[in-house]
N, C-alpha and C. Protein backbone atom coordinates (compact mmCIF):
# COMPACT_ATOMS: atom_id res chain seq x y z
N MET A 1 0.80 -1.19 0.00
CA MET A 1 0.00 0.00 0.00
C MET A 1 0.85 1.27 0.00
N ILE A 2 2.15 1.12 0.24
CA ILE A 2 3.05 2.27 0.23
C ILE A 2 3.06 2.96 -1.14
N PRO A 3 3.08 2.22 -2.27
CA PRO A 3 3.04 2.90 -3.57
C PRO A 3 1.81 3.81 -3.72
N ALA A 4 0.67 3.38 -3.19
CA ALA A 4 -0.54 4.20 -3.28
C ALA A 4 -0.38 5.49 -2.48
N PHE A 5 0.21 5.41 -1.30
CA PHE A 5 0.41 6.61 -0.49
C PHE A 5 1.42 7.55 -1.14
N ILE A 6 2.46 7.00 -1.73
CA ILE A 6 3.44 7.84 -2.42
C ILE A 6 2.77 8.58 -3.57
N ASN A 7 2.00 7.86 -4.38
CA ASN A 7 1.30 8.50 -5.49
C ASN A 7 0.28 9.52 -5.00
N PHE A 8 -0.41 9.20 -3.91
CA PHE A 8 -1.38 10.13 -3.33
C PHE A 8 -0.68 11.45 -2.97
N ILE A 9 0.43 11.36 -2.28
CA ILE A 9 1.15 12.57 -1.84
C ILE A 9 1.66 13.37 -3.04
N ILE A 10 2.28 12.68 -4.00
CA ILE A 10 2.81 13.36 -5.19
C ILE A 10 1.69 14.09 -5.93
N LEU A 11 0.59 13.39 -6.17
CA LEU A 11 -0.51 13.99 -6.93
C LEU A 11 -1.20 15.10 -6.15
N LEU A 12 -1.25 14.98 -4.83
CA LEU A 12 -1.83 16.04 -4.01
C LEU A 12 -0.97 17.30 -4.09
N VAL A 13 0.34 17.14 -4.06
CA VAL A 13 1.25 18.29 -4.20
C VAL A 13 1.08 18.93 -5.58
N ILE A 14 1.04 18.10 -6.62
CA ILE A 14 0.85 18.63 -7.97
C ILE A 14 -0.48 19.36 -8.09
N SER A 15 -1.51 18.82 -7.49
CA SER A 15 -2.81 19.48 -7.47
C SER A 15 -2.72 20.83 -6.76
N GLY A 16 -2.03 20.85 -5.63
CA GLY A 16 -1.87 22.10 -4.89
C GLY A 16 -1.12 23.16 -5.69
N ILE A 17 -0.10 22.75 -6.42
CA ILE A 17 0.64 23.69 -7.27
C ILE A 17 -0.27 24.27 -8.34
N HIS A 18 -1.12 23.43 -8.93
CA HIS A 18 -2.06 23.91 -9.95
C HIS A 18 -3.11 24.84 -9.34
N ILE A 19 -3.54 24.57 -8.14
CA ILE A 19 -4.47 25.49 -7.46
C ILE A 19 -3.78 26.84 -7.26
N TYR A 20 -2.54 26.82 -6.81
CA TYR A 20 -1.77 28.04 -6.62
C TYR A 20 -1.71 28.84 -7.93
N TRP A 21 -1.38 28.16 -9.03
CA TRP A 21 -1.33 28.84 -10.32
C TRP A 21 -2.71 29.35 -10.74
N GLY A 22 -3.73 28.53 -10.51
CA GLY A 22 -5.08 28.93 -10.89
C GLY A 22 -5.59 30.13 -10.13
N LEU A 23 -5.04 30.33 -8.94
CA LEU A 23 -5.43 31.49 -8.14
C LEU A 23 -4.53 32.69 -8.38
N GLY A 24 -3.62 32.57 -9.34
CA GLY A 24 -2.81 33.71 -9.74
C GLY A 24 -1.35 33.65 -9.36
N GLY A 25 -0.89 32.58 -8.72
CA GLY A 25 0.52 32.46 -8.35
C GLY A 25 1.40 32.31 -9.58
N ASN A 26 2.65 32.72 -9.45
CA ASN A 26 3.57 32.68 -10.59
C ASN A 26 4.77 31.77 -10.39
N TRP A 27 5.08 31.38 -9.15
CA TRP A 27 6.27 30.56 -8.91
C TRP A 27 6.20 29.27 -9.73
N GLY A 28 7.23 29.02 -10.52
CA GLY A 28 7.32 27.80 -11.30
C GLY A 28 6.48 27.77 -12.56
N LEU A 29 5.69 28.79 -12.77
CA LEU A 29 4.76 28.79 -13.92
C LEU A 29 5.51 28.83 -15.25
N ARG A 30 6.57 29.58 -15.30
CA ARG A 30 7.32 29.73 -16.55
C ARG A 30 7.90 28.39 -17.03
N GLU A 31 8.26 27.52 -16.11
CA GLU A 31 8.89 26.25 -16.44
C GLU A 31 7.90 25.10 -16.56
N SER A 32 6.62 25.41 -16.57
CA SER A 32 5.61 24.35 -16.50
C SER A 32 5.07 23.91 -17.87
N VAL A 33 5.42 24.62 -18.92
CA VAL A 33 4.86 24.33 -20.24
C VAL A 33 6.00 24.27 -21.26
N PRO A 34 5.95 23.31 -22.18
CA PRO A 34 6.99 23.23 -23.22
C PRO A 34 7.02 24.49 -24.08
N GLU A 35 8.21 24.74 -24.62
CA GLU A 35 8.41 25.92 -25.47
C GLU A 35 8.94 25.52 -26.84
N ARG A 36 8.67 26.39 -27.80
CA ARG A 36 9.25 26.27 -29.14
C ARG A 36 9.78 27.65 -29.51
N ASN A 37 11.08 27.73 -29.70
CA ASN A 37 11.73 29.00 -30.04
C ASN A 37 11.42 30.10 -29.03
N GLY A 38 11.39 29.74 -27.76
CA GLY A 38 11.15 30.71 -26.70
C GLY A 38 9.70 31.04 -26.44
N SER A 39 8.78 30.47 -27.21
CA SER A 39 7.35 30.74 -27.02
C SER A 39 6.66 29.52 -26.43
N LYS A 40 5.78 29.75 -25.49
CA LYS A 40 5.02 28.66 -24.87
C LYS A 40 4.12 27.99 -25.90
N LEU A 41 4.07 26.65 -25.85
CA LEU A 41 3.19 25.91 -26.77
C LEU A 41 1.74 25.97 -26.31
N LEU A 42 1.55 26.12 -25.00
CA LEU A 42 0.20 26.22 -24.42
C LEU A 42 0.14 27.45 -23.53
N ARG A 43 -1.03 28.04 -23.44
CA ARG A 43 -1.26 29.15 -22.53
C ARG A 43 -2.58 28.92 -21.80
N PRO A 44 -2.58 27.92 -20.90
CA PRO A 44 -3.83 27.63 -20.21
C PRO A 44 -4.21 28.77 -19.26
N GLY A 45 -5.47 29.11 -19.24
CA GLY A 45 -5.96 30.16 -18.35
C GLY A 45 -6.16 29.62 -16.95
N ARG A 46 -6.60 30.49 -16.08
CA ARG A 46 -6.81 30.12 -14.68
C ARG A 46 -7.86 29.03 -14.52
N PHE A 47 -8.96 29.14 -15.26
CA PHE A 47 -10.04 28.15 -15.13
C PHE A 47 -9.54 26.76 -15.52
N ILE A 48 -8.88 26.64 -16.65
CA ILE A 48 -8.37 25.34 -17.10
C ILE A 48 -7.35 24.80 -16.10
N THR A 49 -6.52 25.68 -15.57
CA THR A 49 -5.52 25.26 -14.58
C THR A 49 -6.20 24.71 -13.33
N LEU A 50 -7.30 25.32 -12.91
CA LEU A 50 -8.05 24.81 -11.76
C LEU A 50 -8.73 23.48 -12.08
N VAL A 51 -9.20 23.31 -13.31
CA VAL A 51 -9.78 22.03 -13.73
C VAL A 51 -8.71 20.94 -13.66
N VAL A 52 -7.50 21.25 -14.12
CA VAL A 52 -6.39 20.30 -14.05
C VAL A 52 -6.08 19.96 -12.59
N ALA A 53 -6.14 20.95 -11.71
CA ALA A 53 -5.92 20.72 -10.28
C ALA A 53 -6.95 19.74 -9.73
N ILE A 54 -8.20 19.90 -10.14
CA ILE A 54 -9.26 18.99 -9.68
C ILE A 54 -9.01 17.58 -10.19
N ILE A 55 -8.56 17.46 -11.43
CA ILE A 55 -8.26 16.14 -12.00
C ILE A 55 -7.14 15.46 -11.22
N PHE A 56 -6.06 16.20 -10.96
CA PHE A 56 -4.95 15.62 -10.18
C PHE A 56 -5.41 15.26 -8.76
N GLY A 57 -6.23 16.11 -8.16
CA GLY A 57 -6.76 15.81 -6.84
C GLY A 57 -7.63 14.56 -6.86
N GLY A 58 -8.44 14.41 -7.90
CA GLY A 58 -9.26 13.21 -8.05
C GLY A 58 -8.42 11.96 -8.21
N MET A 59 -7.33 12.07 -8.98
CA MET A 59 -6.42 10.93 -9.13
C MET A 59 -5.83 10.56 -7.77
N ALA A 60 -5.42 11.57 -7.01
CA ALA A 60 -4.84 11.32 -5.68
C ALA A 60 -5.83 10.58 -4.79
N LEU A 61 -7.07 11.05 -4.77
CA LEU A 61 -8.09 10.40 -3.93
C LEU A 61 -8.43 9.00 -4.42
N PHE A 62 -8.33 8.79 -5.74
CA PHE A 62 -8.60 7.46 -6.30
C PHE A 62 -7.65 6.42 -5.71
N TYR A 63 -6.37 6.79 -5.55
CA TYR A 63 -5.41 5.86 -4.96
C TYR A 63 -5.82 5.49 -3.53
N LEU A 64 -6.26 6.47 -2.76
CA LEU A 64 -6.72 6.16 -1.39
C LEU A 64 -7.94 5.26 -1.42
N ALA A 65 -8.84 5.52 -2.33
CA ALA A 65 -10.05 4.69 -2.43
C ALA A 65 -9.70 3.25 -2.78
N LYS A 66 -8.72 3.07 -3.67
CA LYS A 66 -8.36 1.71 -4.10
C LYS A 66 -7.76 0.88 -2.98
N ILE A 67 -7.16 1.52 -1.98
CA ILE A 67 -6.58 0.74 -0.87
C ILE A 67 -7.49 0.79 0.36
N GLY A 68 -8.72 1.26 0.18
CA GLY A 68 -9.69 1.23 1.26
C GLY A 68 -9.57 2.33 2.29
N ARG A 69 -8.79 3.37 2.02
CA ARG A 69 -8.62 4.47 2.97
C ARG A 69 -9.63 5.59 2.75
N LEU A 70 -10.47 5.44 1.76
CA LEU A 70 -11.51 6.42 1.47
C LEU A 70 -12.77 5.65 1.09
N PRO A 71 -13.37 4.94 2.05
CA PRO A 71 -14.44 4.00 1.72
C PRO A 71 -15.67 4.65 1.10
N ILE A 72 -15.98 5.87 1.43
CA ILE A 72 -17.17 6.51 0.87
C ILE A 72 -17.04 6.73 -0.63
N ALA A 73 -15.80 6.84 -1.11
CA ALA A 73 -15.57 7.09 -2.54
C ALA A 73 -16.06 5.94 -3.40
N GLY A 74 -16.05 4.73 -2.85
CA GLY A 74 -16.47 3.57 -3.62
C GLY A 74 -17.86 3.68 -4.20
N SER A 75 -18.75 4.38 -3.51
CA SER A 75 -20.11 4.52 -4.01
C SER A 75 -20.22 5.55 -5.14
N PHE A 76 -19.19 6.39 -5.30
CA PHE A 76 -19.21 7.41 -6.35
C PHE A 76 -18.42 7.01 -7.59
N ILE A 77 -17.59 6.01 -7.48
CA ILE A 77 -16.74 5.60 -8.60
C ILE A 77 -17.51 4.63 -9.48
N PRO A 78 -17.64 4.94 -10.78
CA PRO A 78 -18.31 4.01 -11.69
C PRO A 78 -17.60 2.66 -11.71
N THR A 79 -18.35 1.61 -11.94
CA THR A 79 -17.79 0.26 -11.93
C THR A 79 -16.61 0.11 -12.88
N TRP A 80 -16.75 0.62 -14.10
CA TRP A 80 -15.67 0.48 -15.08
C TRP A 80 -14.40 1.18 -14.60
N LEU A 81 -14.57 2.34 -13.95
CA LEU A 81 -13.39 3.07 -13.47
C LEU A 81 -12.77 2.36 -12.27
N ASN A 82 -13.60 1.82 -11.43
CA ASN A 82 -13.09 1.06 -10.29
C ASN A 82 -12.31 -0.16 -10.75
N GLN A 83 -12.78 -0.77 -11.84
CA GLN A 83 -12.14 -1.99 -12.34
C GLN A 83 -10.87 -1.70 -13.15
N TYR A 84 -10.89 -0.66 -13.97
CA TYR A 84 -9.78 -0.41 -14.90
C TYR A 84 -9.02 0.88 -14.63
N GLY A 85 -9.41 1.64 -13.62
CA GLY A 85 -8.81 2.95 -13.36
C GLY A 85 -7.32 2.91 -13.11
N LEU A 86 -6.85 1.94 -12.34
CA LEU A 86 -5.42 1.86 -12.08
C LEU A 86 -4.64 1.56 -13.35
N TRP A 87 -5.17 0.70 -14.19
CA TRP A 87 -4.51 0.42 -15.47
C TRP A 87 -4.46 1.68 -16.32
N LEU A 88 -5.55 2.43 -16.31
CA LEU A 88 -5.61 3.68 -17.07
C LEU A 88 -4.56 4.67 -16.57
N LEU A 89 -4.48 4.84 -15.25
CA LEU A 89 -3.49 5.76 -14.68
C LEU A 89 -2.07 5.30 -14.96
N ALA A 90 -1.81 4.01 -14.81
CA ALA A 90 -0.47 3.49 -15.10
C ALA A 90 -0.08 3.78 -16.54
N GLY A 91 -1.02 3.58 -17.45
CA GLY A 91 -0.76 3.86 -18.86
C GLY A 91 -0.56 5.33 -19.15
N ILE A 92 -1.37 6.18 -18.57
CA ILE A 92 -1.24 7.63 -18.77
C ILE A 92 0.14 8.11 -18.31
N PHE A 93 0.54 7.69 -17.11
CA PHE A 93 1.83 8.15 -16.58
C PHE A 93 3.00 7.57 -17.37
N LEU A 94 2.88 6.33 -17.82
CA LEU A 94 3.94 5.73 -18.62
C LEU A 94 4.07 6.45 -19.97
N LEU A 95 2.93 6.72 -20.60
CA LEU A 95 2.97 7.44 -21.88
C LEU A 95 3.54 8.84 -21.72
N ARG A 96 3.19 9.50 -20.61
CA ARG A 96 3.75 10.84 -20.37
C ARG A 96 5.26 10.78 -20.17
N ALA A 97 5.73 9.74 -19.48
CA ALA A 97 7.18 9.59 -19.27
C ALA A 97 7.89 9.35 -20.60
N ILE A 98 7.32 8.50 -21.44
CA ILE A 98 7.91 8.24 -22.76
C ILE A 98 7.86 9.52 -23.58
N GLY A 99 6.72 10.16 -23.61
CA GLY A 99 6.57 11.47 -24.25
C GLY A 99 6.03 11.42 -25.65
N ASP A 100 6.05 12.59 -26.27
CA ASP A 100 5.51 12.75 -27.63
C ASP A 100 6.61 12.73 -28.69
N PHE A 101 7.85 12.46 -28.27
CA PHE A 101 9.02 12.38 -29.15
C PHE A 101 9.41 13.74 -29.74
N ARG A 102 8.77 14.81 -29.25
CA ARG A 102 9.15 16.14 -29.73
C ARG A 102 9.44 17.09 -28.57
N TYR A 103 8.44 17.31 -27.70
CA TYR A 103 8.57 18.34 -26.66
C TYR A 103 8.62 17.80 -25.23
N VAL A 104 8.04 16.65 -24.97
CA VAL A 104 7.98 16.12 -23.60
C VAL A 104 8.42 14.67 -23.55
N GLY A 105 8.85 14.24 -22.36
CA GLY A 105 9.20 12.85 -22.14
C GLY A 105 10.68 12.58 -22.34
N PHE A 106 11.05 11.34 -22.04
CA PHE A 106 12.45 10.94 -22.14
C PHE A 106 12.99 10.99 -23.56
N PHE A 107 12.14 10.83 -24.54
CA PHE A 107 12.59 10.74 -25.92
C PHE A 107 12.31 12.00 -26.74
N LYS A 108 12.19 13.13 -26.07
CA LYS A 108 11.91 14.39 -26.77
C LYS A 108 13.11 14.82 -27.62
N GLN A 109 12.84 15.55 -28.68
CA GLN A 109 13.89 16.07 -29.55
C GLN A 109 14.27 17.50 -29.16
N ILE A 110 13.31 18.30 -28.76
CA ILE A 110 13.56 19.70 -28.40
C ILE A 110 14.03 19.73 -26.95
N ARG A 111 15.32 20.04 -26.77
CA ARG A 111 15.92 19.96 -25.44
C ARG A 111 16.57 21.27 -25.00
N ASN A 112 16.31 22.35 -25.69
CA ASN A 112 17.02 23.59 -25.41
C ASN A 112 16.14 24.64 -24.70
N SER A 113 15.41 24.21 -23.69
CA SER A 113 14.61 25.15 -22.91
C SER A 113 14.67 24.74 -21.44
N ARG A 114 14.29 25.66 -20.59
CA ARG A 114 14.25 25.37 -19.15
C ARG A 114 13.25 24.24 -18.89
N PHE A 115 12.10 24.27 -19.56
CA PHE A 115 11.12 23.19 -19.38
C PHE A 115 11.73 21.85 -19.76
N ALA A 116 12.41 21.78 -20.91
CA ALA A 116 12.99 20.51 -21.37
C ALA A 116 13.99 19.97 -20.36
N ASP A 117 14.79 20.86 -19.79
CA ASP A 117 15.77 20.44 -18.79
C ASP A 117 15.06 19.88 -17.56
N LEU A 118 14.06 20.57 -17.07
CA LEU A 118 13.31 20.10 -15.90
C LEU A 118 12.53 18.83 -16.21
N ASP A 119 12.04 18.73 -17.44
CA ASP A 119 11.30 17.54 -17.84
C ASP A 119 12.22 16.32 -17.79
N THR A 120 13.44 16.47 -18.29
CA THR A 120 14.38 15.36 -18.28
C THR A 120 14.79 14.98 -16.87
N LYS A 121 15.01 15.97 -16.02
CA LYS A 121 15.50 15.71 -14.66
C LYS A 121 14.41 15.34 -13.67
N PHE A 122 13.21 15.90 -13.83
CA PHE A 122 12.18 15.73 -12.80
C PHE A 122 10.83 15.22 -13.31
N TYR A 123 10.24 15.91 -14.30
CA TYR A 123 8.86 15.61 -14.68
C TYR A 123 8.70 14.20 -15.24
N ALA A 124 9.51 13.85 -16.23
CA ALA A 124 9.41 12.51 -16.84
C ALA A 124 9.76 11.41 -15.83
N PRO A 125 10.85 11.55 -15.04
CA PRO A 125 11.11 10.51 -14.03
C PRO A 125 9.98 10.40 -12.99
N LEU A 126 9.37 11.52 -12.64
CA LEU A 126 8.25 11.48 -11.70
C LEU A 126 7.08 10.71 -12.29
N CYS A 127 6.81 10.92 -13.58
CA CYS A 127 5.74 10.17 -14.24
C CYS A 127 6.07 8.68 -14.30
N LEU A 128 7.33 8.36 -14.53
CA LEU A 128 7.74 6.96 -14.53
C LEU A 128 7.55 6.34 -13.15
N LEU A 129 7.89 7.08 -12.11
CA LEU A 129 7.67 6.61 -10.74
C LEU A 129 6.18 6.40 -10.46
N LEU A 130 5.34 7.35 -10.87
CA LEU A 130 3.89 7.20 -10.68
C LEU A 130 3.38 5.96 -11.39
N SER A 131 3.86 5.72 -12.60
CA SER A 131 3.45 4.54 -13.36
C SER A 131 3.92 3.26 -12.68
N ALA A 132 5.19 3.21 -12.31
CA ALA A 132 5.74 2.01 -11.66
C ALA A 132 5.00 1.72 -10.36
N ASN A 133 4.75 2.75 -9.56
CA ASN A 133 4.00 2.56 -8.31
C ASN A 133 2.60 2.03 -8.58
N THR A 134 1.99 2.52 -9.65
CA THR A 134 0.64 2.06 -9.98
C THR A 134 0.65 0.60 -10.40
N PHE A 135 1.64 0.21 -11.21
CA PHE A 135 1.75 -1.21 -11.58
C PHE A 135 2.00 -2.07 -10.34
N LEU A 136 2.84 -1.60 -9.43
CA LEU A 136 3.06 -2.35 -8.17
C LEU A 136 1.75 -2.51 -7.41
N LEU A 137 0.98 -1.45 -7.36
CA LEU A 137 -0.29 -1.50 -6.65
C LEU A 137 -1.26 -2.48 -7.33
N ILE A 138 -1.32 -2.44 -8.63
CA ILE A 138 -2.20 -3.36 -9.38
C ILE A 138 -1.85 -4.81 -9.02
N PHE A 139 -0.57 -5.12 -9.06
CA PHE A 139 -0.18 -6.52 -8.81
C PHE A 139 -0.32 -6.89 -7.34
N SER A 140 -0.13 -5.93 -6.44
CA SER A 140 -0.32 -6.27 -5.02
C SER A 140 -1.80 -6.44 -4.70
N LEU A 141 -2.67 -5.67 -5.33
CA LEU A 141 -4.10 -5.82 -5.10
C LEU A 141 -4.64 -7.11 -5.73
N SER A 142 -4.01 -7.55 -6.82
CA SER A 142 -4.48 -8.78 -7.47
C SER A 142 -4.17 -10.01 -6.65
N LYS A 143 -3.24 -9.91 -5.72
CA LYS A 143 -2.87 -11.04 -4.87
C LYS A 143 -3.73 -11.13 -3.62
N LEU A 144 -4.55 -10.11 -3.38
CA LEU A 144 -5.41 -10.12 -2.20
C LEU A 144 -6.62 -11.01 -2.39
């Protein structure tokens, strides 16, 4: 159950950072989006950033629900999501770690920006850790 708690904490922190940005904070914002020739590829507004924060928060709570630490959540989670949600999350994080082969992930081609440097050192490895922890959780839950 330790992998679930690790993922819960990581995703809760990421959610909190997005809430901070959505409420107007600037720390770390410049390094949060891939760039092309010095220009941001995305310019998400505050509302979208808060929606992303809610999604990350929901992912964090999902891990607690899967290990029985949030029992009330079970009644709100659709059956298909309860059954395949961990596989979906493991796949999402693994694909993010691998990347799009251009701007994000371990195999990106564009490497000459602050985002690319942080992605190589922190973001992609963090996604790989989230994926590996999720696979560990899937296999540990299947043995119960």
